[in-house]
Amino acid sequence: MTDDESSTENTIIVALEQLVLKDNSLNQVFDLEYGEEAERKYIGSEWIRKNTECNDEE
């Protein structure tokens, strides 16, 4: 996911299984807690986890 604005024109639904088949390292972040995010610089680099500020209004 990116910071780009989402719309139906640029949205696609994909089964999680298909994503994991393409990139098995997604299994390293399957246990993210509510309010936690993970990112990496490029495919194959190490996942970096961090807490996010939660907004109760969202």
N, C-alpha and C. Protein backbone atom coordinates (compact mmCIF):
# COMPACT_ATOMS: atom_id res chain seq x y z
N MET A 1 0.84 -1.17 0.00
CA MET A 1 0.00 0.00 0.00
C MET A 1 0.89 1.24 0.00
N THR A 2 0.36 2.29 -0.54
CA THR A 2 1.12 3.53 -0.62
C THR A 2 0.30 4.67 -0.05
N ASP A 3 0.89 5.85 -0.06
CA ASP A 3 0.17 7.05 0.39
C ASP A 3 -0.70 7.63 -0.71
N ASP A 4 -0.67 7.03 -1.90
CA ASP A 4 -1.49 7.52 -3.00
C ASP A 4 -2.97 7.40 -2.65
N GLU A 5 -3.76 8.33 -3.16
CA GLU A 5 -5.19 8.27 -2.93
C GLU A 5 -5.77 7.06 -3.66
N SER A 6 -6.63 6.32 -2.98
CA SER A 6 -7.21 5.14 -3.61
C SER A 6 -8.54 5.48 -4.27
N SER A 7 -8.83 4.75 -5.31
CA SER A 7 -10.10 4.90 -6.02
C SER A 7 -10.41 3.56 -6.68
N THR A 8 -11.63 3.42 -7.17
CA THR A 8 -11.98 2.16 -7.83
C THR A 8 -11.21 1.98 -9.13
N GLU A 9 -10.73 3.05 -9.72
CA GLU A 9 -9.96 2.93 -10.97
C GLU A 9 -8.58 2.33 -10.74
N ASN A 10 -8.01 2.52 -9.55
CA ASN A 10 -6.66 2.00 -9.31
C ASN A 10 -6.65 0.94 -8.20
N THR A 11 -7.75 0.22 -8.05
CA THR A 11 -7.87 -0.81 -7.02
C THR A 11 -8.04 -2.18 -7.67
N ILE A 12 -7.39 -3.17 -7.10
CA ILE A 12 -7.53 -4.54 -7.57
C ILE A 12 -7.62 -5.45 -6.34
N ILE A 13 -8.47 -6.44 -6.40
CA ILE A 13 -8.62 -7.39 -5.30
C ILE A 13 -7.80 -8.63 -5.64
N VAL A 14 -6.95 -9.02 -4.68
CA VAL A 14 -6.06 -10.16 -4.88
C VAL A 14 -6.14 -11.04 -3.64
N ALA A 15 -6.17 -12.35 -3.84
CA ALA A 15 -6.16 -13.28 -2.72
C ALA A 15 -4.81 -13.22 -2.01
N LEU A 16 -4.85 -13.22 -0.69
CA LEU A 16 -3.63 -13.18 0.10
C LEU A 16 -2.70 -14.33 -0.28
N GLU A 17 -3.25 -15.48 -0.55
CA GLU A 17 -2.45 -16.63 -0.95
C GLU A 17 -1.59 -16.32 -2.18
N GLN A 18 -2.15 -15.61 -3.14
CA GLN A 18 -1.42 -15.27 -4.36
C GLN A 18 -0.27 -14.31 -4.06
N LEU A 19 -0.48 -13.38 -3.13
CA LEU A 19 0.60 -12.46 -2.75
C LEU A 19 1.74 -13.21 -2.09
N VAL A 20 1.40 -14.13 -1.19
CA VAL A 20 2.44 -14.91 -0.49
C VAL A 20 3.17 -15.83 -1.46
N LEU A 21 2.48 -16.36 -2.44
CA LEU A 21 3.16 -17.19 -3.44
C LEU A 21 4.19 -16.37 -4.22
N LYS A 22 3.90 -15.11 -4.47
CA LYS A 22 4.84 -14.22 -5.18
C LYS A 22 5.97 -13.75 -4.28
N ASP A 23 5.67 -13.54 -2.98
CA ASP A 23 6.66 -13.00 -2.05
C ASP A 23 6.47 -13.65 -0.67
N ASN A 24 7.18 -14.73 -0.45
CA ASN A 24 7.05 -15.50 0.78
C ASN A 24 7.44 -14.71 2.02
N SER A 25 8.21 -13.63 1.88
CA SER A 25 8.63 -12.85 3.05
C SER A 25 7.45 -12.13 3.71
N LEU A 26 6.29 -12.09 3.05
CA LEU A 26 5.10 -11.52 3.68
C LEU A 26 4.70 -12.29 4.93
N ASN A 27 5.10 -13.56 5.00
CA ASN A 27 4.82 -14.35 6.19
C ASN A 27 5.54 -13.81 7.43
N GLN A 28 6.57 -13.01 7.24
CA GLN A 28 7.31 -12.44 8.36
C GLN A 28 6.51 -11.34 9.07
N VAL A 29 5.47 -10.84 8.45
CA VAL A 29 4.69 -9.76 9.06
C VAL A 29 3.22 -10.14 9.23
N PHE A 30 2.92 -11.43 9.23
CA PHE A 30 1.53 -11.87 9.35
C PHE A 30 0.95 -11.54 10.72
N ASP A 31 1.79 -11.34 11.71
CA ASP A 31 1.32 -11.15 13.08
C ASP A 31 1.35 -9.70 13.54
N LEU A 32 1.23 -8.76 12.61
CA LEU A 32 1.20 -7.35 12.99
C LEU A 32 0.04 -7.10 13.95
N GLU A 33 0.29 -6.35 14.99
CA GLU A 33 -0.73 -5.99 15.95
C GLU A 33 -1.48 -4.75 15.47
N TYR A 34 -2.67 -4.52 16.02
CA TYR A 34 -3.42 -3.32 15.71
C TYR A 34 -2.56 -2.11 16.06
N GLY A 35 -2.45 -1.18 15.14
CA GLY A 35 -1.63 0.01 15.36
C GLY A 35 -0.16 -0.18 15.02
N GLU A 36 0.18 -1.29 14.41
CA GLU A 36 1.56 -1.56 14.02
C GLU A 36 1.62 -1.65 12.50
N GLU A 37 2.73 -1.23 11.93
CA GLU A 37 2.91 -1.32 10.48
C GLU A 37 4.31 -1.84 10.20
N ALA A 38 4.50 -2.32 8.98
CA ALA A 38 5.81 -2.80 8.57
C ALA A 38 6.07 -2.29 7.16
N GLU A 39 7.31 -1.91 6.94
CA GLU A 39 7.69 -1.46 5.60
C GLU A 39 9.11 -1.90 5.32
N ARG A 40 9.47 -1.84 4.07
CA ARG A 40 10.83 -2.19 3.65
C ARG A 40 11.19 -1.31 2.46
N LYS A 41 12.47 -1.18 2.22
CA LYS A 41 12.92 -0.30 1.14
C LYS A 41 12.68 -0.92 -0.23
N TYR A 42 12.81 -2.23 -0.34
CA TYR A 42 12.62 -2.92 -1.61
C TYR A 42 12.32 -4.39 -1.34
N ILE A 43 11.79 -5.08 -2.31
CA ILE A 43 11.50 -6.50 -2.16
C ILE A 43 12.78 -7.23 -1.85
N GLY A 44 12.77 -8.01 -0.80
CA GLY A 44 13.95 -8.75 -0.38
C GLY A 44 14.69 -8.10 0.77
N SER A 45 14.43 -6.82 1.02
CA SER A 45 15.11 -6.18 2.15
C SER A 45 14.35 -6.52 3.44
N GLU A 46 14.97 -6.20 4.56
CA GLU A 46 14.41 -6.52 5.87
C GLU A 46 13.17 -5.67 6.16
N TRP A 47 12.14 -6.32 6.73
CA TRP A 47 10.95 -5.60 7.18
C TRP A 47 11.29 -4.78 8.41
N ILE A 48 10.82 -3.56 8.46
CA ILE A 48 11.00 -2.69 9.63
C ILE A 48 9.61 -2.43 10.22
N ARG A 49 9.44 -2.87 11.46
CA ARG A 49 8.15 -2.70 12.14
C ARG A 49 8.18 -1.44 12.98
N LYS A 50 7.03 -0.77 13.07
CA LYS A 50 6.91 0.37 13.96
C LYS A 50 5.45 0.56 14.33
N ASN A 51 5.25 1.21 15.47
CA ASN A 51 3.90 1.53 15.91
C ASN A 51 3.45 2.80 15.22
N THR A 52 2.16 2.86 14.93
CA THR A 52 1.59 4.06 14.33
C THR A 52 0.68 4.72 15.35
N GLU A 53 0.47 5.99 15.15
CA GLU A 53 -0.49 6.69 16.02
C GLU A 53 -1.87 6.36 15.53
N CYS A 54 -2.69 5.84 16.41
CA CYS A 54 -4.05 5.46 16.05
C CYS A 54 -4.99 6.63 16.28
N ASN A 55 -5.84 6.84 15.29
CA ASN A 55 -6.84 7.89 15.39
C ASN A 55 -8.19 7.19 15.58
N ASP A 56 -8.82 7.38 16.72
CA ASP A 56 -10.09 6.70 17.01
C ASP A 56 -11.21 7.08 16.08
N GLU A 57 -11.08 8.19 15.35
CA GLU A 57 -12.12 8.66 14.46
C GLU A 57 -12.12 7.90 13.14
N GLU A 58 -11.06 7.16 12.81
CA GLU A 58 -10.98 6.43 11.55
C GLU A 58 -11.74 5.16 11.61
